[in-house]
Protein backbone atom coordinates (compact mmCIF):
# COMPACT_ATOMS: atom_id res chain seq x y z
CA MET A 1 -51.90 12.16 -27.78
CA LYS A 2 -54.24 11.44 -24.50
CA TRP A 3 -52.15 8.40 -24.17
CA LEU A 4 -48.61 9.90 -24.49
CA PHE A 5 -50.78 12.88 -21.92
CA ILE A 6 -51.71 10.49 -19.59
CA LEU A 7 -48.35 8.33 -19.57
CA THR A 8 -46.08 11.42 -18.99
CA CYS A 9 -48.10 12.80 -15.96
CA LEU A 10 -48.38 9.31 -14.42
CA SER A 11 -44.39 8.88 -15.10
CA ALA A 12 -43.68 12.22 -12.97
CA GLY A 13 -46.54 11.20 -10.19
CA LEU A 14 -44.23 8.01 -9.77
CA GLN A 15 -41.17 10.11 -8.93
CA GLU A 16 -42.53 12.13 -6.32
CA GLY A 17 -41.56 11.07 -2.56
CA HIS A 18 -38.62 9.18 -4.63
CA VAL A 19 -36.16 11.24 -5.38
CA VAL A 20 -32.15 10.82 -4.96
CA LYS A 21 -29.97 13.75 -3.42
CA PHE A 22 -26.16 13.60 -4.86
CA SER A 23 -24.25 15.95 -2.44
CA THR A 24 -20.28 16.33 -2.32
CA ASN A 25 -20.46 18.53 1.10
CA PHE A 26 -17.04 16.96 2.59
CA ASP A 27 -13.77 16.21 2.56
CA SER A 28 -12.42 15.77 -1.00
CA GLY A 29 -16.15 15.46 -2.52
CA SER A 30 -16.60 16.40 -6.40
CA ILE A 31 -18.71 16.27 -8.64
CA GLY A 32 -19.98 18.45 -12.03
CA LYS A 33 -23.70 17.90 -13.76
CA VAL A 34 -26.19 15.23 -12.58
CA THR A 35 -28.93 14.76 -14.86
CA LEU A 36 -31.45 11.85 -14.54
CA ILE A 37 -31.62 10.36 -17.86
CA ASP A 38 -34.63 7.91 -16.73
CA SER A 39 -36.97 6.14 -14.67
CA VAL A 40 -38.95 3.27 -14.81
CA TRP A 41 -40.92 1.09 -12.67
CA VAL A 42 -39.94 -2.43 -12.73
CA ARG A 43 -42.47 -5.12 -10.73
CA PRO A 44 -40.50 -8.51 -11.46
CA SER A 45 -43.00 -10.66 -9.15
CA ARG A 46 -46.48 -9.80 -8.84
CA THR A 47 -46.49 -8.21 -5.10
CA ASP A 48 -43.17 -6.53 -5.68
CA SER A 49 -42.00 -3.48 -7.78
CA VAL A 50 -38.71 -1.60 -7.94
CA LEU A 51 -38.11 1.55 -9.30
CA HIS A 52 -34.87 1.80 -11.76
CA LEU A 53 -33.40 5.21 -12.47
CA SER A 54 -30.52 6.47 -14.70
CA TYR A 55 -28.11 9.41 -14.21
CA GLU A 56 -25.78 10.91 -16.96
CA ILE A 57 -22.44 11.92 -14.77
CA ILE A 58 -20.54 14.64 -15.80
CA SER A 59 -17.04 14.92 -13.57
CA ARG A 60 -16.53 18.25 -12.65
CA SER A 61 -13.57 20.01 -14.30
CA ASP A 62 -10.43 21.48 -12.74
CA PRO A 63 -10.06 25.35 -13.31
CA ASP A 64 -7.88 26.22 -16.23
CA ASN A 65 -4.45 26.20 -15.57
CA PRO A 66 -3.10 29.90 -15.62
CA ALA A 67 1.12 28.67 -15.90
CA ASN A 68 0.24 26.35 -18.26
CA PRO A 69 -2.98 27.24 -20.55
CA GLU A 70 -2.85 25.02 -23.22
CA LEU A 71 -3.69 22.28 -21.20
CA LYS A 72 -6.81 21.10 -21.20
CA PRO A 73 -8.59 20.56 -17.71
CA SER A 74 -8.77 17.07 -16.45
CA ALA A 75 -12.07 15.79 -14.83
CA ARG A 76 -11.21 12.34 -13.67
CA TRP A 77 -11.86 12.47 -9.63
CA PHE A 78 -15.72 11.99 -8.77
CA TYR A 79 -16.35 11.11 -4.81
CA PHE A 80 -20.72 11.90 -4.03
CA MET A 81 -23.40 11.12 -1.67
CA MET A 82 -26.84 9.52 -2.86
CA GLU A 83 -29.51 9.87 -0.18
CA GLY A 84 -32.67 8.17 -1.07
CA VAL A 85 -31.12 5.05 -2.94
CA ARG A 86 -32.65 2.23 -0.68
CA GLY A 87 -34.96 -0.44 -2.46
CA LYS A 88 -33.86 1.24 -6.05
CA HIS A 89 -31.53 0.00 -8.74
CA ILE A 90 -29.57 2.69 -9.89
CA TYR A 91 -28.20 2.97 -12.94
CA LEU A 92 -24.90 5.76 -13.46
CA ASP A 93 -23.40 6.94 -16.51
CA PHE A 94 -19.97 8.80 -16.30
CA LYS A 95 -19.49 10.36 -19.39
CA ASN A 96 -15.89 12.17 -19.45
CA THR A 97 -13.99 10.21 -16.94
CA ASP A 98 -12.86 6.68 -17.04
CA PRO A 99 -13.72 4.75 -13.81
CA MET A 100 -13.02 0.54 -14.95
CA ARG A 101 -14.93 -0.26 -12.08
CA ALA A 102 -15.46 2.43 -9.02
CA VAL A 103 -16.01 1.67 -5.31
CA TYR A 104 -18.43 2.41 -3.26
CA SER A 105 -19.49 2.88 0.70
CA TYR A 106 -21.98 3.00 3.06
CA ASP A 107 -20.47 4.56 5.89
CA GLY A 108 -17.66 7.14 3.84
CA LYS A 109 -15.10 5.08 5.02
CA HIS A 110 -15.14 1.45 4.02
CA PHE A 111 -15.09 0.95 0.34
CA GLN A 112 -15.31 -1.77 -1.52
CA ARG A 113 -15.55 -1.55 -5.70
CA PHE A 114 -18.91 -2.75 -7.41
CA GLU A 115 -18.30 -6.56 -8.93
CA ASP A 116 -17.73 -6.96 -11.80
CA TYR A 117 -21.78 -7.71 -13.02
CA GLN A 118 -22.41 -4.50 -11.59
CA ALA A 119 -19.95 -2.34 -13.13
CA SER A 120 -17.94 -1.46 -15.76
CA MET A 121 -15.73 0.91 -18.05
CA ARG A 122 -17.96 3.86 -17.17
CA LYS A 123 -21.09 2.07 -16.16
CA VAL A 124 -22.48 1.37 -12.75
CA SER A 125 -25.91 -0.82 -12.39
CA SER A 126 -26.80 -1.90 -8.48
CA PHE A 127 -29.43 -1.72 -6.47
CA PHE A 128 -28.52 -0.75 -3.06
CA SER A 129 -30.16 -1.91 0.32
CA ARG A 130 -29.07 1.12 2.11
CA ASP A 131 -30.39 5.01 1.69
CA THR A 132 -27.10 6.31 1.66
CA VAL A 133 -24.15 5.54 -0.54
CA TYR A 134 -20.74 7.02 -1.45
CA VAL A 135 -19.41 6.35 -4.75
CA ALA A 136 -15.98 7.47 -5.66
CA TYR A 137 -13.58 6.49 -8.44
CA PHE A 138 -10.86 5.14 -5.99
CA VAL A 139 -10.77 4.56 -2.39
CA PRO A 140 -10.63 8.00 -0.93
CA TYR A 141 -7.89 8.76 1.31
CA GLY A 142 -8.49 12.54 2.42
CA TRP A 143 -7.22 15.26 4.22
CA GLU A 144 -9.46 14.07 7.75
CA LEU A 145 -8.19 10.25 7.74
CA LEU A 146 -4.47 11.81 7.04
CA GLN A 147 -4.99 14.14 10.14
CA GLU A 148 -5.68 10.20 11.96
CA ARG A 149 -2.33 8.63 10.60
CA LEU A 150 -0.49 11.56 11.53
CA LYS A 151 -1.52 11.23 14.88
CA HIS A 152 -0.51 7.48 14.93
CA TRP A 153 2.64 8.13 13.11
CA THR A 154 3.80 11.02 15.36
CA ALA A 155 3.19 8.61 18.50
CA SER A 156 7.23 7.88 17.95
CA PRO A 157 9.46 9.53 19.42
CA CYS A 158 11.13 8.52 16.25
CA VAL A 159 8.95 10.51 14.16
CA ALA A 160 8.86 14.50 13.91
CA MET A 161 6.07 16.59 11.93
CA ASP A 162 7.02 19.84 10.73
CA THR A 163 5.47 22.52 8.02
CA LEU A 164 6.65 23.85 5.09
CA GLY A 165 4.27 26.94 4.59
CA THR A 166 0.37 27.06 4.35
CA SER A 167 -1.45 26.74 1.20
CA MET A 168 -3.44 28.68 -0.66
CA MET A 169 -6.98 27.89 0.90
CA GLY A 170 -4.52 27.91 4.56
CA LEU A 171 -3.76 24.18 4.32
CA PRO A 172 -0.88 23.11 6.54
CA ILE A 173 1.73 21.87 3.89
CA GLN A 174 2.96 18.90 6.51
CA ILE A 175 6.66 16.87 6.89
CA LEU A 176 7.36 13.79 8.75
CA THR A 177 11.31 13.46 9.54
CA ILE A 178 11.16 9.91 10.85
CA THR A 179 15.15 8.46 12.02
CA ASP A 180 16.59 7.11 15.24
CA PRO A 181 17.07 10.82 17.08
CA LEU A 182 19.67 8.73 19.17
CA VAL A 183 21.88 7.57 15.97
CA PRO A 184 24.26 10.12 15.18
CA ASP A 185 22.74 11.40 11.08
CA LYS A 186 26.44 11.59 10.16
CA GLY A 187 26.83 8.40 7.93
CA LYS A 188 22.55 7.69 7.38
CA ASN A 189 20.89 7.96 4.06
CA ARG A 190 18.99 10.88 3.37
CA ILE A 191 15.20 10.04 1.62
CA TRP A 192 12.92 12.32 0.64
CA ILE A 193 9.39 11.36 -0.42
CA HIS A 194 6.16 13.15 -1.73
CA ALA A 195 3.20 11.81 -2.69
CA ARG A 196 -0.57 13.36 -4.26
CA VAL A 197 0.67 16.54 -6.18
CA HIS A 198 -1.92 15.07 -8.23
CA PRO A 199 -5.09 14.73 -5.72
CA SER A 200 -6.97 11.93 -7.38
CA GLU A 201 -4.21 9.64 -7.08
CA SER A 202 -5.02 8.34 -3.99
CA PRO A 203 -3.26 4.42 -4.36
CA ALA A 204 -0.13 6.58 -3.85
CA ASN A 205 -1.18 7.44 -0.36
CA TRP A 206 -2.30 3.72 0.56
CA GLN A 207 1.20 2.87 -0.72
CA LEU A 208 2.92 5.28 1.46
CA ASP A 209 0.86 4.38 4.14
CA GLY A 210 2.11 0.71 3.76
CA LEU A 211 5.57 2.03 3.56
CA LEU A 212 5.48 4.39 6.64
CA GLY A 213 3.14 1.89 8.66
CA ARG A 214 6.42 -0.08 8.26
CA LEU A 215 8.46 2.44 8.53
CA THR A 216 7.55 3.90 11.79
CA GLU A 217 6.16 0.33 13.52
CA ASP A 218 8.08 -1.06 16.97
CA SER A 219 9.89 -4.27 15.33
CA PRO A 220 13.48 -4.93 15.39
CA VAL A 221 13.37 -4.69 11.67
CA ALA A 222 12.04 -0.95 11.18
CA ARG A 223 14.00 0.19 14.26
CA GLN A 224 17.51 -1.10 11.89
CA TYR A 225 15.36 0.61 9.52
CA ARG A 226 15.73 4.09 11.13
CA ARG A 227 19.25 3.98 12.87
CA GLN A 228 20.18 3.71 9.09
CA SER A 229 18.32 6.78 7.67
CA VAL A 230 16.63 9.79 7.88
CA PHE A 231 13.31 9.82 6.12
CA TYR A 232 11.88 13.55 4.72
CA VAL A 233 8.20 12.13 3.63
CA VAL A 234 5.32 15.09 2.59
CA PRO A 235 1.92 13.11 2.10
CA PHE A 236 -0.03 15.40 0.59
CA ALA A 237 1.78 17.92 -1.59
CA ASN A 238 -1.29 19.51 -3.04
CA PRO A 239 -3.39 19.53 0.22
CA ASP A 240 -6.15 21.91 -1.17
CA GLY A 241 -6.01 19.76 -4.05
CA VAL A 242 -7.49 16.64 -2.29
CA TYR A 243 -9.91 18.84 0.01
CA GLY A 244 -11.28 20.39 -2.19
CA GLY A 245 -11.76 17.22 -4.92
CA TYR A 246 -9.63 17.96 -7.75
CA SER A 247 -8.25 16.07 -9.95
CA ARG A 248 -4.66 17.03 -11.15
CA SER A 249 -4.40 20.69 -9.89
CA ASN A 250 -4.61 22.55 -6.76
CA ALA A 251 -7.43 24.87 -6.18
CA ARG A 252 -5.93 27.46 -7.94
CA GLY A 253 -5.86 25.73 -11.14
CA ILE A 254 -1.88 24.65 -11.71
CA ASN A 255 -0.66 21.23 -11.82
CA GLN A 256 2.29 21.06 -9.96
CA GLU A 257 3.57 17.81 -11.16
CA ILE A 258 5.31 20.15 -14.47
CA ASN A 259 6.70 23.49 -12.62
CA TRP A 260 9.48 22.99 -11.11
CA ASP A 261 10.99 25.10 -13.91
CA HIS A 262 8.89 27.60 -13.61
CA ASN A 263 9.30 31.01 -11.47
CA ASP A 264 7.52 31.63 -7.76
CA SER A 265 4.83 33.70 -9.91
CA LEU A 266 4.20 30.98 -12.93
CA THR A 267 3.80 28.02 -9.93
CA SER A 268 2.21 27.46 -7.09
CA VAL A 269 2.88 28.09 -3.48
CA GLU A 270 2.98 24.10 -2.73
CA VAL A 271 5.88 24.15 -5.30
CA GLN A 272 7.57 26.91 -3.69
CA PHE A 273 7.62 25.69 -0.49
CA LEU A 274 9.38 22.47 -1.70
CA ARG A 275 11.89 23.18 -3.53
CA ALA A 276 12.91 25.86 -0.60
CA ARG A 277 13.00 23.18 1.78
CA MET A 278 14.03 20.39 -0.31
CA ASP A 279 16.98 23.04 -1.74
CA SER A 280 17.83 24.01 2.31
CA PHE A 281 18.41 20.21 3.10
CA MET A 282 20.40 19.83 -0.27
CA GLN A 283 22.89 22.46 1.01
CA GLU A 284 23.43 20.37 4.33
CA GLN A 285 24.10 17.42 2.24
CA PRO A 286 22.31 16.10 -0.91
CA PHE A 287 19.69 13.48 -0.88
CA ASP A 288 20.78 9.82 -1.71
CA LEU A 289 17.30 9.07 -3.34
CA VAL A 290 14.09 11.24 -4.22
CA LEU A 291 10.93 9.55 -5.20
CA ASN A 292 7.89 10.73 -6.33
CA MET A 293 4.62 8.41 -5.48
CA HIS A 294 1.86 8.89 -7.88
CA ALA A 295 -0.99 6.83 -9.73
CA GLN A 296 -1.87 6.17 -13.52
CA SER A 297 -4.55 4.87 -15.39
CA ASP A 298 -1.84 2.20 -16.70
CA ASP A 299 -3.06 -0.84 -15.50
CA LYS A 300 0.31 -2.17 -14.37
CA ILE A 301 2.78 -0.40 -11.56
CA SER A 302 5.77 1.49 -13.59
CA TYR A 303 9.12 3.65 -12.04
CA TYR A 304 9.87 6.24 -14.91
CA VAL A 305 13.52 5.08 -15.60
CA PRO A 306 15.86 7.82 -16.52
CA THR A 307 17.46 7.09 -19.96
CA LEU A 308 21.07 6.29 -20.23
CA GLU A 309 21.34 8.89 -23.19
CA SER A 310 19.79 11.57 -21.24
CA THR A 311 22.13 11.20 -18.10
CA ASN A 312 25.17 8.92 -17.48
CA PRO A 313 25.42 4.70 -16.80
CA GLU A 314 25.86 4.81 -13.37
CA TYR A 315 22.74 6.77 -12.84
CA HIS A 316 21.27 4.65 -15.37
CA GLN A 317 21.99 1.57 -13.58
CA LYS A 318 21.37 3.22 -10.06
CA ALA A 319 17.46 3.27 -11.25
CA MET A 320 17.46 0.03 -13.15
CA HIS A 321 19.02 -1.70 -9.36
CA LEU A 322 16.44 0.16 -7.63
CA ALA A 323 13.34 -0.49 -10.27
CA TYR A 324 14.40 -4.95 -10.52
CA LEU A 325 14.80 -4.78 -6.54
CA THR A 326 10.98 -3.26 -5.90
CA THR A 327 10.03 -6.41 -8.51
CA ASP A 328 12.03 -8.73 -6.92
CA GLU A 329 9.49 -11.17 -4.85
CA ASN A 330 6.97 -8.95 -5.61
CA PRO A 331 3.90 -10.12 -6.89
CA TYR A 332 2.54 -7.17 -8.27
CA PHE A 333 5.15 -5.54 -10.23
CA PHE A 334 7.60 -6.94 -12.81
CA MET A 335 10.17 -6.00 -15.02
CA GLU A 336 8.61 -5.42 -17.99
CA ASP A 337 5.78 -3.02 -16.81
CA MET A 338 9.21 -0.28 -16.53
CA PHE A 339 8.61 3.06 -18.13
CA TYR A 340 11.83 4.84 -19.71
CA SER A 341 11.80 8.78 -19.83
CA SER A 342 14.30 12.05 -19.86
CA PRO A 343 14.58 14.42 -16.24
CA ALA A 344 13.21 17.21 -17.91
CA PRO A 345 13.47 20.36 -15.71
CA ARG A 346 10.06 20.90 -15.19
CA TYR A 347 9.68 17.69 -13.22
CA VAL A 348 11.07 17.02 -9.90
CA GLU A 349 13.30 14.50 -11.47
CA GLY A 350 15.09 17.08 -14.04
CA TRP A 351 15.29 19.77 -11.61
CA ILE A 352 17.37 16.95 -9.01
CA TRP A 353 19.12 16.25 -11.89
CA ASN A 354 20.84 19.62 -12.50
CA ARG A 355 21.39 20.23 -8.79
CA THR A 356 22.73 16.96 -8.24
CA LYS A 357 24.00 16.17 -12.15
CA GLY A 358 23.61 12.38 -10.71
CA GLU A 359 24.30 12.59 -6.90
CA THR A 360 20.83 12.19 -5.66
CA LEU A 361 19.11 9.39 -7.22
CA ALA A 362 15.67 10.65 -8.29
CA MET A 363 12.17 8.76 -9.88
CA THR A 364 8.94 8.63 -10.26
CA ILE A 365 6.41 5.29 -8.95
CA GLU A 366 3.07 5.08 -10.43
CA MET A 367 0.75 3.04 -8.72
CA PRO A 368 -2.58 1.58 -10.89
CA TYR A 369 -6.53 2.04 -9.88
CA SER A 370 -7.59 -1.03 -11.59
CA PHE A 371 -4.89 -4.43 -11.74
CA TYR A 372 -1.52 -5.64 -12.00
CA ASN A 373 0.84 -6.07 -14.90
CA ASN A 374 -1.82 -5.59 -17.57
CA ASN A 375 -3.01 -8.76 -17.07
CA PRO A 376 -7.39 -8.41 -15.68
CA GLY A 377 -7.29 -11.91 -14.54
CA ARG A 378 -5.14 -11.13 -11.21
CA PRO A 379 -6.85 -9.68 -8.47
CA TRP A 380 -7.81 -6.49 -8.64
CA VAL A 381 -6.27 -3.34 -6.82
CA THR A 382 -7.01 -3.53 -3.41
CA VAL A 383 -5.99 -0.89 -0.54
CA THR A 384 -4.42 -4.22 1.48
CA SER A 385 -2.20 -4.63 -1.63
CA LEU A 386 -1.06 -1.07 -2.12
CA ARG A 387 0.33 -0.46 1.73
CA LYS A 388 2.04 -4.26 0.94
CA ASN A 389 3.85 -2.83 -2.33
CA GLY A 390 4.54 0.47 0.63
CA GLU A 391 6.12 -2.33 2.43
CA LEU A 392 7.84 -4.01 -0.61
CA MET A 393 9.38 -0.47 -1.77
CA LEU A 394 10.96 0.29 2.02
CA ARG A 395 12.35 -3.25 1.84
CA ALA A 396 14.32 -2.68 -1.70
CA ILE A 397 15.22 0.64 0.08
CA SER A 398 16.72 -0.49 2.51
CA ASP A 399 18.54 -3.86 -0.30
CA PHE A 400 19.33 -0.91 -2.57
CA PHE A 401 21.72 0.84 -0.20
CA GLY A 402 22.51 -2.15 1.78
CA TRP A 403 21.22 -1.70 4.68
CA ASN A 404 22.01 -4.94 7.30
CA ILE A 405 18.76 -5.69 8.74
CA PRO A 406 17.80 -8.36 11.90
CA GLY A 407 17.51 -11.41 9.18
CA ARG A 408 18.22 -9.92 6.02
CA TYR A 409 22.00 -8.61 5.43
CA ILE A 410 23.84 -7.14 2.34
CA LEU A 411 27.13 -8.13 2.25
CA LYS A 412 30.02 -6.31 -0.21
CA GLY A 413 32.54 -8.24 -1.23
CA THR A 414 36.59 -8.17 -2.14
CA ILE A 415 37.70 -9.28 -5.58
CA ARG A 416 40.42 -11.44 -5.06
CA GLY A 417 42.25 -12.47 -8.51
CA LYS A 418 39.00 -14.31 -9.83
CA LYS A 419 37.68 -15.24 -6.85
CA THR A 420 35.02 -12.50 -4.14
CA VAL A 421 35.28 -12.71 -0.57
CA TYR A 422 32.26 -12.19 1.22
CA ARG A 423 32.63 -11.37 5.52
CA TYR A 424 29.89 -10.69 7.86
CA GLU A 425 31.64 -10.31 11.14
CA ASN A 426 28.61 -11.12 13.32
CA LEU A 427 26.13 -12.99 11.43
CA PRO A 428 23.46 -14.64 14.17
CA ALA A 429 23.31 -18.73 14.76
CA GLY A 430 20.68 -19.72 12.38
CA GLU A 431 19.78 -21.69 8.94
CA TYR A 432 20.46 -18.65 5.70
CA GLN A 433 19.81 -19.04 2.39
CA VAL A 434 22.30 -17.27 0.54
CA PHE A 435 21.65 -14.96 -3.02
CA ILE A 436 23.77 -13.34 -5.97
CA TRP A 437 22.57 -10.66 -7.74
CA LYS A 438 21.53 -10.87 -11.78
CA ASP A 439 19.17 -8.32 -12.09
CA ALA A 440 17.34 -10.35 -8.74
CA TRP A 441 17.96 -12.20 -5.75
CA VAL A 442 18.75 -15.66 -7.18
CA PRO A 443 19.71 -18.54 -5.31
CA PHE A 444 23.14 -19.48 -4.36
CA ASP A 445 23.76 -21.86 -1.41
CA ASP A 446 21.71 -22.86 1.71
CA VAL A 447 23.78 -22.33 5.23
CA VAL A 448 23.74 -23.21 8.75
CA GLN A 449 25.82 -20.24 11.24
CA LYS A 450 25.59 -22.77 13.99
CA ARG A 451 26.45 -20.03 16.68
CA THR A 452 26.99 -16.08 16.37
CA GLY A 453 29.94 -15.38 14.92
CA ILE A 454 31.81 -14.66 11.20
CA PHE A 455 30.16 -15.60 8.03
CA ARG A 456 32.38 -15.89 5.31
CA CYS A 457 31.01 -16.87 1.65
CA VAL A 458 34.08 -17.45 -1.28
CA ILE A 459 32.33 -17.13 -4.96
CA ARG A 460 34.87 -18.32 -7.40
CA THR A 461 34.51 -17.76 -11.59
CA ASP A 462 36.81 -18.64 -14.55
CA ARG A 463 35.75 -15.78 -16.00
CA GLU A 464 35.68 -12.27 -14.32
CA PRO A 465 34.64 -12.53 -10.95
CA TYR A 466 31.02 -11.54 -9.62
CA THR A 467 30.88 -8.16 -8.34
CA GLY A 468 27.35 -8.16 -7.15
CA PRO A 469 26.29 -8.18 -3.89
CA LEU A 470 25.78 -11.36 -1.51
CA ARG A 471 22.62 -11.20 0.04
CA VAL A 472 22.30 -13.67 3.37
CA SER A 473 18.09 -13.94 4.28
CA GLN A 474 17.46 -16.20 7.59
CA LYS A 475 14.65 -18.97 7.00
CA ALA A 476 11.48 -18.39 8.58
CA THR A 477 11.30 -22.28 9.76
CA TRP A 478 14.72 -21.71 11.91
CA GLN A 479 14.50 -22.34 15.57
CA ASN A 480 17.65 -22.13 17.78
């Protein structure tokens, strides 16, 4: 007993001056309960000692949901700062959330994943070389970062910003309108995108960041995108949830994703404002496409494709076409990665379906946190690859609507018996690859356009004529 008492006092004495402080007093910060499990000094050599500290982390749960009380509150998201970790080996044991390999940063801006030898499912074991470190479930995309990005995007005369209203906490629900104002809106495709309904799903915003970066840049391709379309984009559909560091709810506890069929007294002000603005726009002209951007625990990208049985053949085919276009030449997304669902009215897809009966295609796309295509052997998800997925999605949207952009032309054919004739009036001189569509762009021919002018291509078959689109893409190696 005497030796036990001495060892206990020694352990307590060793902790004096070696306390690690946890805090979340910043944008998107969140943590629940932190418990010191154990501490021990380890002497790796005669002249060196390292303090090892292990902590149990209980993530903060969302508030109870007043609109759907049967739902268990989520506690996925964590994002906290530790001070006093320099020269210490820290062990973190996450009990009620599921990080596969968390991320960390020494400055709160530049994040990287813990290496595989430092982190595994719900565990972190790392020696830190600096005194302060931030640890998060995934790379945060917070309110302050969004305001910086908005300043950048709205510097373009093709981008206008408005607010749908204010959240319960008084934050503006911001919306961007992106189009070429010098081109009349009549005839343009209208696309609505919103993200971050679930605040822990920051990969969705990194994907959207890539899409917006490409759409707003000053390039020939981006200028043509804006001539062909009007994009309405709500980057944060749940600003309170993002700023407050919640997982799947707003500050009141409501999961906005499943409240589109609730009346105003039972849902959030955010859903009310989204519905009101979308209704207003649809009275002018229905959207051609609505995209709901999320992230998921499944280790793959997925569209939730509306089933044939719950919609109609034409609608299902359109959804499959967009999904397959998004996978085409995409190293991160594959045809087998889709989910299939019915557009239930509590979701935005069902709400849109009930209003337009198929005139507007509405789909949810999910980004992963970890790796792609259920394949841990592939590179893990990064901010760079998520942004690239946003660019690839924008290209898929362009192909879906048949926009002709510099270097990439989507042509519709005219059927004449068993042949299909494609024609483009003013194709620039260059070397091109020609593709036909068979749930992917399949190479069909190589052509050289010696001078700018009419391009003509004929596809002949012995059976039913080919009815799909033709893609004519300029080879990057061509020089005039």
